[in-house]
Protein backbone atom coordinates (compact mmCIF):
# COMPACT_ATOMS: atom_id res chain seq x y z
CA MET A 1 0.00 0.00 0.00
CA GLN A 2 2.90 2.38 0.75
CA ASN A 3 4.18 1.90 -2.81
CA THR A 4 0.75 2.83 -4.16
CA LYS A 5 0.63 5.96 -1.98
CA SER A 6 4.11 6.99 -3.08
CA LYS A 7 3.21 6.54 -6.75
CA LEU A 8 -0.04 8.50 -6.35
CA ASP A 9 1.78 11.29 -4.51
CA SER A 10 4.30 11.49 -7.34
CA LEU A 11 1.55 11.57 -9.97
CA MET A 12 -0.33 14.28 -8.10
CA LEU A 13 2.82 16.41 -7.95
CA GLN A 14 3.28 15.90 -11.69
CA LEU A 15 -0.34 16.86 -12.32
CA GLN A 16 0.06 19.99 -10.23
CA ALA A 17 3.16 20.92 -12.26
CA VAL A 18 1.24 20.44 -15.52
CA LEU A 19 -1.59 22.63 -14.22
CA ASP A 20 0.94 25.29 -13.23
CA GLU A 21 2.64 25.18 -16.64
CA ALA A 22 -0.70 25.44 -18.41
CA GLY A 23 -1.63 28.47 -16.32
CA LEU A 24 -4.52 26.63 -14.72
CA ASP A 25 -3.15 26.71 -11.19
CA GLU A 26 -5.22 29.82 -10.42
CA HIS A 27 -8.46 28.44 -11.92
CA VAL A 28 -10.75 27.99 -8.92
CA ALA A 29 -12.84 25.10 -10.26
CA ILE A 30 -9.75 23.16 -11.32
CA GLN A 31 -8.01 23.70 -7.98
CA ASN A 32 -11.18 22.68 -6.14
CA ALA A 33 -11.33 19.48 -8.20
CA PHE A 34 -7.62 18.82 -7.63
CA ASN A 35 -8.00 19.32 -3.88
CA ALA A 36 -11.08 17.09 -3.78
CA LEU A 37 -9.20 14.37 -5.65
CA ALA A 38 -6.25 14.65 -3.25
CA CYS A 39 -8.56 14.39 -0.25
CA ALA A 40 -10.47 11.45 -1.69
CA LEU A 41 -7.24 9.60 -2.44
CA ASP A 42 -5.94 10.26 1.07
CA ASP A 43 -9.23 9.12 2.61
CA THR A 44 -9.27 5.95 0.51
CA ILE A 45 -5.65 5.02 1.15
CA ILE A 46 -5.82 5.72 4.88
CA ALA A 47 -9.18 3.98 5.33
């Protein structure tokens, strides 16, 4: 499970970098969706 969490963390950081590069890091709806995804992943992995 730790390997899965590490891989997901890495992918989320990559996704955040792509959003930043595309200029979407300030888009409220996209950031809300990103944050919701991060929370859902954390809740699922921890649960």
